[in-house]
Amino acid sequence: MLNREEIRLAMEKAGIDSRPLWKTDAHATGFQGVPSYTNGVSEYLFTKGLCLPSGTALTSQEMELIVGKITETGKGQ
Protein backbone atom coordinates (compact mmCIF):
# COMPACT_ATOMS: atom_id res chain seq x y z
CA MET A 1 0.00 0.00 0.00
CA LEU A 2 1.31 3.44 -0.91
CA ASN A 3 1.92 5.99 1.75
CA ARG A 4 1.16 9.68 1.53
CA GLU A 5 4.77 10.71 0.87
CA GLU A 6 5.19 8.27 -2.03
CA ILE A 7 2.09 9.68 -3.70
CA ARG A 8 3.12 13.28 -2.97
CA LEU A 9 6.57 12.74 -4.50
CA ALA A 10 5.12 11.09 -7.61
CA MET A 11 2.70 14.01 -8.00
CA GLU A 12 5.55 16.51 -7.55
CA LYS A 13 7.63 14.75 -10.20
CA ALA A 14 4.67 15.06 -12.59
CA GLY A 15 4.31 18.76 -11.81
CA ILE A 16 1.09 18.26 -9.84
CA ASP A 17 0.78 20.24 -6.62
CA SER A 18 -0.23 18.29 -3.52
CA ARG A 19 0.51 18.61 0.18
CA PRO A 20 -0.21 16.89 3.47
CA LEU A 21 -3.52 17.76 5.12
CA TRP A 22 -3.52 20.87 7.28
CA LYS A 23 -2.88 20.47 10.98
CA THR A 24 -5.96 20.07 13.08
CA ASP A 25 -6.76 22.80 15.61
CA ALA A 26 -5.71 20.41 18.37
CA HIS A 27 -2.21 20.32 16.82
CA ALA A 28 -1.94 24.04 16.11
CA THR A 29 0.43 26.08 18.28
CA GLY A 30 -2.25 28.60 19.24
CA PHE A 31 -4.42 25.89 20.72
CA GLN A 32 -1.82 24.10 22.85
CA GLY A 33 -3.11 23.59 26.36
CA VAL A 34 -6.72 24.16 25.31
CA PRO A 35 -9.00 21.17 25.99
CA SER A 36 -9.94 19.24 22.85
CA TYR A 37 -12.42 16.46 22.39
CA THR A 38 -11.07 14.11 19.77
CA ASN A 39 -11.58 10.46 18.92
CA GLY A 40 -8.45 9.87 16.83
CA VAL A 41 -10.01 10.42 13.40
CA SER A 42 -8.52 13.89 12.88
CA GLU A 43 -5.10 12.66 13.98
CA TYR A 44 -5.33 9.70 11.60
CA LEU A 45 -6.32 11.93 8.69
CA PHE A 46 -3.52 14.39 9.53
CA THR A 47 -0.89 11.63 9.32
CA LYS A 48 -2.32 9.88 6.23
CA GLY A 49 -4.25 12.48 4.21
CA LEU A 50 -3.11 14.37 1.14
CA CYS A 51 -4.60 17.55 -0.35
CA LEU A 52 -4.98 17.26 -4.10
CA PRO A 53 -5.70 20.00 -6.62
CA SER A 54 -9.37 20.93 -6.61
CA GLY A 55 -11.69 23.75 -7.41
CA THR A 56 -14.20 24.89 -9.97
CA ALA A 57 -11.48 25.81 -12.47
CA LEU A 58 -10.07 22.26 -12.56
CA THR A 59 -10.69 20.82 -16.01
CA SER A 60 -11.69 17.25 -16.82
CA GLN A 61 -8.29 16.79 -18.44
CA GLU A 62 -6.53 17.94 -15.27
CA MET A 63 -8.67 15.61 -13.14
CA GLU A 64 -7.82 12.71 -15.44
CA LEU A 65 -4.11 13.55 -15.12
CA ILE A 66 -4.32 13.57 -11.31
CA VAL A 67 -6.28 10.33 -11.09
CA GLY A 68 -4.04 8.73 -13.70
CA LYS A 69 -0.88 9.63 -11.79
CA ILE A 70 -2.27 8.18 -8.54
CA THR A 71 -3.37 5.02 -10.36
CA GLU A 72 -0.02 4.69 -12.13
CA THR A 73 1.87 5.19 -8.87
CA GLY A 74 -0.24 2.54 -7.14
CA LYS A 75 0.39 -0.01 -9.90
CA GLY A 76 4.12 0.35 -9.34
CA GLN A 77 3.81 -1.24 -5.91
PDB file of N, CA and C in Angstrom:
ATOM      1  N   MET A   1       0.845  -1.180   0.000  1.00  0.00           N
ATOM      2  CA  MET A   1       0.000   0.000   0.000  1.00  0.00           C
ATOM      3  C   MET A   1       0.894   1.247   0.000  1.00  0.00           C
ATOM      4  N   LEU A   2       0.547   2.198  -0.837  1.00  0.00           N
ATOM      5  CA  LEU A   2       1.307   3.440  -0.913  1.00  0.00           C
ATOM      6  C   LEU A   2       1.100   4.294   0.321  1.00  0.00           C
ATOM      7  N   ASN A   3       2.116   5.022   0.679  1.00  0.00           N
ATOM      8  CA  ASN A   3       1.915   5.988   1.752  1.00  0.00           C
ATOM      9  C   ASN A   3       1.808   7.391   1.152  1.00  0.00           C
ATOM     10  N   ARG A   4       1.407   8.318   1.972  1.00  0.00           N
ATOM     11  CA  ARG A   4       1.164   9.685   1.534  1.00  0.00           C
ATOM     12  C   ARG A   4       2.391  10.299   0.852  1.00  0.00           C
ATOM     13  N   GLU A   5       3.556  10.087   1.400  1.00  0.00           N
ATOM     14  CA  GLU A   5       4.765  10.709   0.867  1.00  0.00           C
ATOM     15  C   GLU A   5       5.125  10.146  -0.509  1.00  0.00           C
ATOM     16  N   GLU A   6       4.916   8.856  -0.721  1.00  0.00           N
ATOM     17  CA  GLU A   6       5.186   8.266  -2.032  1.00  0.00           C
ATOM     18  C   GLU A   6       4.285   8.886  -3.100  1.00  0.00           C
ATOM     19  N   ILE A   7       3.026   9.066  -2.760  1.00  0.00           N
ATOM     20  CA  ILE A   7       2.087   9.684  -3.702  1.00  0.00           C
ATOM     21  C   ILE A   7       2.460  11.147  -3.924  1.00  0.00           C
ATOM     22  N   ARG A   8       2.762  11.860  -2.855  1.00  0.00           N
ATOM     23  CA  ARG A   8       3.124  13.280  -2.972  1.00  0.00           C
ATOM     24  C   ARG A   8       4.341  13.470  -3.869  1.00  0.00           C
ATOM     25  N   LEU A   9       5.358  12.641  -3.688  1.00  0.00           N
ATOM     26  CA  LEU A   9       6.573  12.743  -4.501  1.00  0.00           C
ATOM     27  C   LEU A   9       6.306  12.420  -5.967  1.00  0.00           C
ATOM     28  N   ALA A  10       5.469  11.423  -6.230  1.00  0.00           N
ATOM     29  CA  ALA A  10       5.120  11.092  -7.613  1.00  0.00           C
ATOM     30  C   ALA A  10       4.349  12.242  -8.256  1.00  0.00           C
ATOM     31  N   MET A  11       3.451  12.864  -7.492  1.00  0.00           N
ATOM     32  CA  MET A  11       2.704  14.009  -8.005  1.00  0.00           C
ATOM     33  C   MET A  11       3.652  15.174  -8.286  1.00  0.00           C
ATOM     34  N   GLU A  12       4.580  15.418  -7.368  1.00  0.00           N
ATOM     35  CA  GLU A  12       5.549  16.507  -7.553  1.00  0.00           C
ATOM     36  C   GLU A  12       6.378  16.296  -8.817  1.00  0.00           C
ATOM     37  N   LYS A  13       6.826  15.074  -9.017  1.00  0.00           N
ATOM     38  CA  LYS A  13       7.633  14.745 -10.196  1.00  0.00           C
ATOM     39  C   LYS A  13       6.851  15.005 -11.484  1.00  0.00           C
ATOM     40  N   ALA A  14       5.530  14.830 -11.422  1.00  0.00           N
ATOM     41  CA  ALA A  14       4.673  15.058 -12.588  1.00  0.00           C
ATOM     42  C   ALA A  14       4.223  16.512 -12.700  1.00  0.00           C
ATOM     43  N   GLY A  15       4.680  17.359 -11.779  1.00  0.00           N
ATOM     44  CA  GLY A  15       4.307  18.763 -11.809  1.00  0.00           C
ATOM     45  C   GLY A  15       2.920  19.044 -11.263  1.00  0.00           C
ATOM     46  N   ILE A  16       2.410  18.124 -10.434  1.00  0.00           N
ATOM     47  CA  ILE A  16       1.088  18.265  -9.842  1.00  0.00           C
ATOM     48  C   ILE A  16       1.254  18.651  -8.378  1.00  0.00           C
ATOM     49  N   ASP A  17       0.669  19.768  -7.993  1.00  0.00           N
ATOM     50  CA  ASP A  17       0.779  20.245  -6.619  1.00  0.00           C
ATOM     51  C   ASP A  17      -0.071  19.394  -5.682  1.00  0.00           C
ATOM     52  N   SER A  18       0.505  18.980  -4.588  1.00  0.00           N
ATOM     53  CA  SER A  18      -0.232  18.291  -3.519  1.00  0.00           C
ATOM     54  C   SER A  18       0.522  18.565  -2.226  1.00  0.00           C
ATOM     55  N   ARG A  19      -0.148  18.385  -1.113  1.00  0.00           N
ATOM     56  CA  ARG A  19       0.507  18.611   0.176  1.00  0.00           C
ATOM     57  C   ARG A  19      -0.235  17.842   1.255  1.00  0.00           C
ATOM     58  N   PRO A  20       0.463  17.557   2.355  1.00  0.00           N
ATOM     59  CA  PRO A  20      -0.215  16.886   3.469  1.00  0.00           C
ATOM     60  C   PRO A  20      -1.399  17.723   3.961  1.00  0.00           C
ATOM     61  N   LEU A  21      -2.364  17.042   4.554  1.00  0.00           N
ATOM     62  CA  LEU A  21      -3.518  17.757   5.117  1.00  0.00           C
ATOM     63  C   LEU A  21      -3.053  18.772   6.143  1.00  0.00           C
ATOM     64  N   TRP A  22      -3.828  19.835   6.301  1.00  0.00           N
ATOM     65  CA  TRP A  22      -3.519  20.865   7.284  1.00  0.00           C
ATOM     66  C   TRP A  22      -3.587  20.291   8.683  1.00  0.00           C
ATOM     67  N   LYS A  23      -2.817  20.870   9.580  1.00  0.00           N
ATOM     68  CA  LYS A  23      -2.876  20.468  10.984  1.00  0.00           C
ATOM     69  C   LYS A  23      -4.273  20.724  11.533  1.00  0.00           C
ATOM     70  N   THR A  24      -4.685  19.851  12.409  1.00  0.00           N
ATOM     71  CA  THR A  24      -5.961  20.069  13.083  1.00  0.00           C
ATOM     72  C   THR A  24      -5.772  21.162  14.132  1.00  0.00           C
ATOM     73  N   ASP A  25      -6.857  21.770  14.570  1.00  0.00           N
ATOM     74  CA  ASP A  25      -6.759  22.796  15.613  1.00  0.00           C
ATOM     75  C   ASP A  25      -6.067  22.253  16.854  1.00  0.00           C
ATOM     76  N   ALA A  26      -6.323  20.998  17.175  1.00  0.00           N
ATOM     77  CA  ALA A  26      -5.711  20.405  18.368  1.00  0.00           C
ATOM     78  C   ALA A  26      -4.189  20.348  18.257  1.00  0.00           C
ATOM     79  N   HIS A  27      -3.655  20.343  17.028  1.00  0.00           N
ATOM     80  CA  HIS A  27      -2.207  20.317  16.818  1.00  0.00           C
ATOM     81  C   HIS A  27      -1.606  21.709  16.632  1.00  0.00           C
ATOM     82  N   ALA A  28      -2.429  22.701  16.390  1.00  0.00           N
ATOM     83  CA  ALA A  28      -1.942  24.041  16.105  1.00  0.00           C
ATOM     84  C   ALA A  28      -1.357  24.692  17.354  1.00  0.00           C
ATOM     85  N   THR A  29      -0.281  25.444  17.166  1.00  0.00           N
ATOM     86  CA  THR A  29       0.425  26.079  18.276  1.00  0.00           C
ATOM     87  C   THR A  29      -0.497  26.948  19.127  1.00  0.00           C
ATOM     88  N   GLY A  30      -1.366  27.701  18.497  1.00  0.00           N
ATOM     89  CA  GLY A  30      -2.247  28.603  19.235  1.00  0.00           C
ATOM     90  C   GLY A  30      -3.254  27.913  20.124  1.00  0.00           C
ATOM     91  N   PHE A  31      -3.430  26.625  19.937  1.00  0.00           N
ATOM     92  CA  PHE A  31      -4.418  25.888  20.724  1.00  0.00           C
ATOM     93  C   PHE A  31      -3.787  24.921  21.731  1.00  0.00           C
ATOM     94  N   GLN A  32      -2.466  24.982  21.886  1.00  0.00           N
ATOM     95  CA  GLN A  32      -1.816  24.096  22.850  1.00  0.00           C
ATOM     96  C   GLN A  32      -2.310  24.424  24.250  1.00  0.00           C
ATOM     97  N   GLY A  33      -2.630  23.410  25.002  1.00  0.00           N
ATOM     98  CA  GLY A  33      -3.113  23.590  26.363  1.00  0.00           C
ATOM     99  C   GLY A  33      -4.607  23.810  26.456  1.00  0.00           C
ATOM    100  N   VAL A  34      -5.271  23.978  25.318  1.00  0.00           N
ATOM    101  CA  VAL A  34      -6.721  24.156  25.313  1.00  0.00           C
ATOM    102  C   VAL A  34      -7.361  22.766  25.231  1.00  0.00           C
ATOM    103  N   PRO A  35      -8.372  22.495  26.049  1.00  0.00           N
ATOM    104  CA  PRO A  35      -8.998  21.172  25.991  1.00  0.00           C
ATOM    105  C   PRO A  35      -9.541  20.881  24.588  1.00  0.00           C
ATOM    106  N   SER A  36      -9.360  19.659  24.137  1.00  0.00           N
ATOM    107  CA  SER A  36      -9.935  19.237  22.855  1.00  0.00           C
ATOM    108  C   SER A  36     -10.627  17.901  23.058  1.00  0.00           C
ATOM    109  N   TYR A  37     -11.628  17.677  22.281  1.00  0.00           N
ATOM    110  CA  TYR A  37     -12.425  16.462  22.391  1.00  0.00           C
ATOM    111  C   TYR A  37     -12.303  15.728  21.069  1.00  0.00           C
ATOM    112  N   THR A  38     -11.349  14.825  21.013  1.00  0.00           N
ATOM    113  CA  THR A  38     -11.070  14.111  19.769  1.00  0.00           C
ATOM    114  C   THR A  38     -11.256  12.620  19.972  1.00  0.00           C
ATOM    115  N   ASN A  39     -11.416  11.919  18.865  1.00  0.00           N
ATOM    116  CA  ASN A  39     -11.577  10.463  18.924  1.00  0.00           C
ATOM    117  C   ASN A  39     -10.526   9.741  18.092  1.00  0.00           C
ATOM    118  N   GLY A  40      -9.533  10.475  17.603  1.00  0.00           N
ATOM    119  CA  GLY A  40      -8.453   9.866  16.830  1.00  0.00           C
ATOM    120  C   GLY A  40      -8.599  10.001  15.325  1.00  0.00           C
ATOM    121  N   VAL A  41      -9.798  10.322  14.843  1.00  0.00           N
ATOM    122  CA  VAL A  41     -10.011  10.421  13.401  1.00  0.00           C
ATOM    123  C   VAL A  41      -9.208  11.574  12.808  1.00  0.00           C
ATOM    124  N   SER A  42      -9.253  12.741  13.431  1.00  0.00           N
ATOM    125  CA  SER A  42      -8.521  13.889  12.884  1.00  0.00           C
ATOM    126  C   SER A  42      -7.019  13.630  12.889  1.00  0.00           C
ATOM    127  N   GLU A  43      -6.520  12.970  13.915  1.00  0.00           N
ATOM    128  CA  GLU A  43      -5.096  12.655  13.975  1.00  0.00           C
ATOM    129  C   GLU A  43      -4.714  11.666  12.879  1.00  0.00           C
ATOM    130  N   TYR A  44      -5.578  10.680  12.652  1.00  0.00           N
ATOM    131  CA  TYR A  44      -5.334   9.695  11.599  1.00  0.00           C
ATOM    132  C   TYR A  44      -5.287  10.383  10.238  1.00  0.00           C
ATOM    133  N   LEU A  45      -6.276  11.230   9.969  1.00  0.00           N
ATOM    134  CA  LEU A  45      -6.318  11.933   8.690  1.00  0.00           C
ATOM    135  C   LEU A  45      -5.109  12.843   8.524  1.00  0.00           C
ATOM    136  N   PHE A  46      -4.686  13.505   9.587  1.00  0.00           N
ATOM    137  CA  PHE A  46      -3.524  14.390   9.528  1.00  0.00           C
ATOM    138  C   PHE A  46      -2.263  13.620   9.146  1.00  0.00           C
ATOM    139  N   THR A  47      -2.099  12.405   9.626  1.00  0.00           N
ATOM    140  CA  THR A  47      -0.889  11.629   9.325  1.00  0.00           C
ATOM    141  C   THR A  47      -0.972  10.900   7.986  1.00  0.00           C
ATOM    142  N   LYS A  48      -2.165  10.667   7.463  1.00  0.00           N
ATOM    143  CA  LYS A  48      -2.324   9.882   6.230  1.00  0.00           C
ATOM    144  C   LYS A  48      -2.839  10.676   5.031  1.00  0.00           C
ATOM    145  N   GLY A  49      -3.541  11.777   5.273  1.00  0.00           N
ATOM    146  CA  GLY A  49      -4.249  12.484   4.211  1.00  0.00           C
ATOM    147  C   GLY A  49      -3.361  13.355   3.333  1.00  0.00           C
ATOM    148  N   LEU A  50      -3.832  13.569   2.120  1.00  0.00           N
ATOM    149  CA  LEU A  50      -3.115  14.370   1.142  1.00  0.00           C
ATOM    150  C   LEU A  50      -4.108  15.290   0.437  1.00  0.00           C
ATOM    151  N   CYS A  51      -3.786  16.580   0.392  1.00  0.00           N
ATOM    152  CA  CYS A  51      -4.604  17.552  -0.347  1.00  0.00           C
ATOM    153  C   CYS A  51      -4.211  17.485  -1.814  1.00  0.00           C
ATOM    154  N   LEU A  52      -5.198  17.302  -2.654  1.00  0.00           N
ATOM    155  CA  LEU A  52      -4.984  17.260  -4.097  1.00  0.00           C
ATOM    156  C   LEU A  52      -5.558  18.513  -4.734  1.00  0.00           C
ATOM    157  N   PRO A  53      -5.126  18.844  -5.949  1.00  0.00           N
ATOM    158  CA  PRO A  53      -5.697  19.999  -6.624  1.00  0.00           C
ATOM    159  C   PRO A  53      -7.215  19.853  -6.733  1.00  0.00           C
ATOM    160  N   SER A  54      -7.911  20.954  -6.514  1.00  0.00           N
ATOM    161  CA  SER A  54      -9.373  20.925  -6.612  1.00  0.00           C
ATOM    162  C   SER A  54      -9.854  22.339  -6.917  1.00  0.00           C
ATOM    163  N   GLY A  55     -11.104  22.448  -7.161  1.00  0.00           N
ATOM    164  CA  GLY A  55     -11.692  23.755  -7.415  1.00  0.00           C
ATOM    165  C   GLY A  55     -12.525  23.756  -8.674  1.00  0.00           C
ATOM    166  N   THR A  56     -13.299  24.802  -8.830  1.00  0.00           N
ATOM    167  CA  THR A  56     -14.204  24.885  -9.967  1.00  0.00           C
ATOM    168  C   THR A  56     -13.477  25.103 -11.288  1.00  0.00           C
ATOM    169  N   ALA A  57     -12.234  25.572 -11.240  1.00  0.00           N
ATOM    170  CA  ALA A  57     -11.478  25.813 -12.469  1.00  0.00           C
ATOM    171  C   ALA A  57     -10.736  24.568 -12.956  1.00  0.00           C
ATOM    172  N   LEU A  58     -10.763  23.492 -12.175  1.00  0.00           N
ATOM    173  CA  LEU A  58     -10.071  22.263 -12.555  1.00  0.00           C
ATOM    174  C   LEU A  58     -10.799  21.628 -13.748  1.00  0.00           C
ATOM    175  N   THR A  59     -10.075  21.378 -14.807  1.00  0.00           N
ATOM    176  CA  THR A  59     -10.695  20.816 -16.008  1.00  0.00           C
ATOM    177  C   THR A  59     -10.775  19.294 -15.912  1.00  0.00           C
ATOM    178  N   SER A  60     -11.591  18.715 -16.764  1.00  0.00           N
ATOM    179  CA  SER A  60     -11.692  17.251 -16.821  1.00  0.00           C
ATOM    180  C   SER A  60     -10.348  16.637 -17.165  1.00  0.00           C
ATOM    181  N   GLN A  61      -9.609  17.283 -18.053  1.00  0.00           N
ATOM    182  CA  GLN A  61      -8.288  16.787 -18.440  1.00  0.00           C
ATOM    183  C   GLN A  61      -7.334  16.805 -17.249  1.00  0.00           C
ATOM    184  N   GLU A  62      -7.377  17.863 -16.459  1.00  0.00           N
ATOM    185  CA  GLU A  62      -6.525  17.943 -15.266  1.00  0.00           C
ATOM    186  C   GLU A  62      -6.912  16.873 -14.248  1.00  0.00           C
ATOM    187  N   MET A  63      -8.210  16.657 -14.066  1.00  0.00           N
ATOM    188  CA  MET A  63      -8.665  15.613 -13.140  1.00  0.00           C
ATOM    189  C   MET A  63      -8.189  14.243 -13.602  1.00  0.00           C
ATOM    190  N   GLU A  64      -8.277  13.986 -14.901  1.00  0.00           N
ATOM    191  CA  GLU A  64      -7.815  12.709 -15.438  1.00  0.00           C
ATOM    192  C   GLU A  64      -6.319  12.533 -15.219  1.00  0.00           C
ATOM    193  N   LEU A  65      -5.554  13.607 -15.351  1.00  0.00           N
ATOM    194  CA  LEU A  65      -4.109  13.551 -15.118  1.00  0.00           C
ATOM    195  C   LEU A  65      -3.816  13.199 -13.658  1.00  0.00           C
ATOM    196  N   ILE A  66      -4.516  13.825 -12.736  1.00  0.00           N
ATOM    197  CA  ILE A  66      -4.321  13.574 -11.305  1.00  0.00           C
ATOM    198  C   ILE A  66      -4.670  12.137 -10.952  1.00  0.00           C
ATOM    199  N   VAL A  67      -5.850  11.703 -11.373  1.00  0.00           N
ATOM    200  CA  VAL A  67      -6.281  10.331 -11.087  1.00  0.00           C
ATOM    201  C   VAL A  67      -5.344   9.332 -11.757  1.00  0.00           C
ATOM    202  N   GLY A  68      -4.950   9.627 -12.976  1.00  0.00           N
ATOM    203  CA  GLY A  68      -4.040   8.730 -13.699  1.00  0.00           C
ATOM    204  C   GLY A  68      -2.707   8.582 -12.994  1.00  0.00           C
ATOM    205  N   LYS A  69      -2.171   9.689 -12.470  1.00  0.00           N
ATOM    206  CA  LYS A  69      -0.876   9.631 -11.786  1.00  0.00           C
ATOM    207  C   LYS A  69      -0.987   8.807 -10.505  1.00  0.00           C
ATOM    208  N   ILE A  70      -2.082   8.986  -9.761  1.00  0.00           N
ATOM    209  CA  ILE A  70      -2.269   8.183  -8.543  1.00  0.00           C
ATOM    210  C   ILE A  70      -2.393   6.708  -8.898  1.00  0.00           C
ATOM    211  N   THR A  71      -3.185   6.405  -9.917  1.00  0.00           N
ATOM    212  CA  THR A  71      -3.370   5.017 -10.356  1.00  0.00           C
ATOM    213  C   THR A  71      -2.054   4.407 -10.816  1.00  0.00           C
ATOM    214  N   GLU A  72      -1.319   5.146 -11.636  1.00  0.00           N
ATOM    215  CA  GLU A  72      -0.023   4.695 -12.132  1.00  0.00           C
ATOM    216  C   GLU A  72       0.948   4.434 -10.983  1.00  0.00           C
ATOM    217  N   THR A  73       0.975   5.324 -10.028  1.00  0.00           N
ATOM    218  CA  THR A  73       1.871   5.186  -8.869  1.00  0.00           C
ATOM    219  C   THR A  73       1.507   3.951  -8.057  1.00  0.00           C
ATOM    220  N   GLY A  74       0.213   3.712  -7.891  1.00  0.00           N
ATOM    221  CA  GLY A  74      -0.242   2.540  -7.136  1.00  0.00           C
ATOM    222  C   GLY A  74       0.077   1.232  -7.819  1.00  0.00           C
ATOM    223  N   LYS A  75       0.077   1.217  -9.135  1.00  0.00           N
ATOM    224  CA  LYS A  75       0.385  -0.007  -9.895  1.00  0.00           C
ATOM    225  C   LYS A  75       1.850  -0.373  -9.795  1.00  0.00           C
ATOM    226  N   GLY A  76       2.699   0.601  -9.462  1.00  0.00           N
ATOM    227  CA  GLY A  76       4.124   0.352  -9.340  1.00  0.00           C
ATOM    228  C   GLY A  76       4.503  -0.370  -8.058  1.00  0.00           C
ATOM    229  N   GLN A  77       3.536  -0.601  -7.200  1.00  0.00           N
ATOM    230  CA  GLN A  77       3.809  -1.235  -5.907  1.00  0.00           C
ATOM    231  C   GLN A  77       3.822  -2.732  -6.015  1.00  0.00           C
TER     232      GLN A  77
END
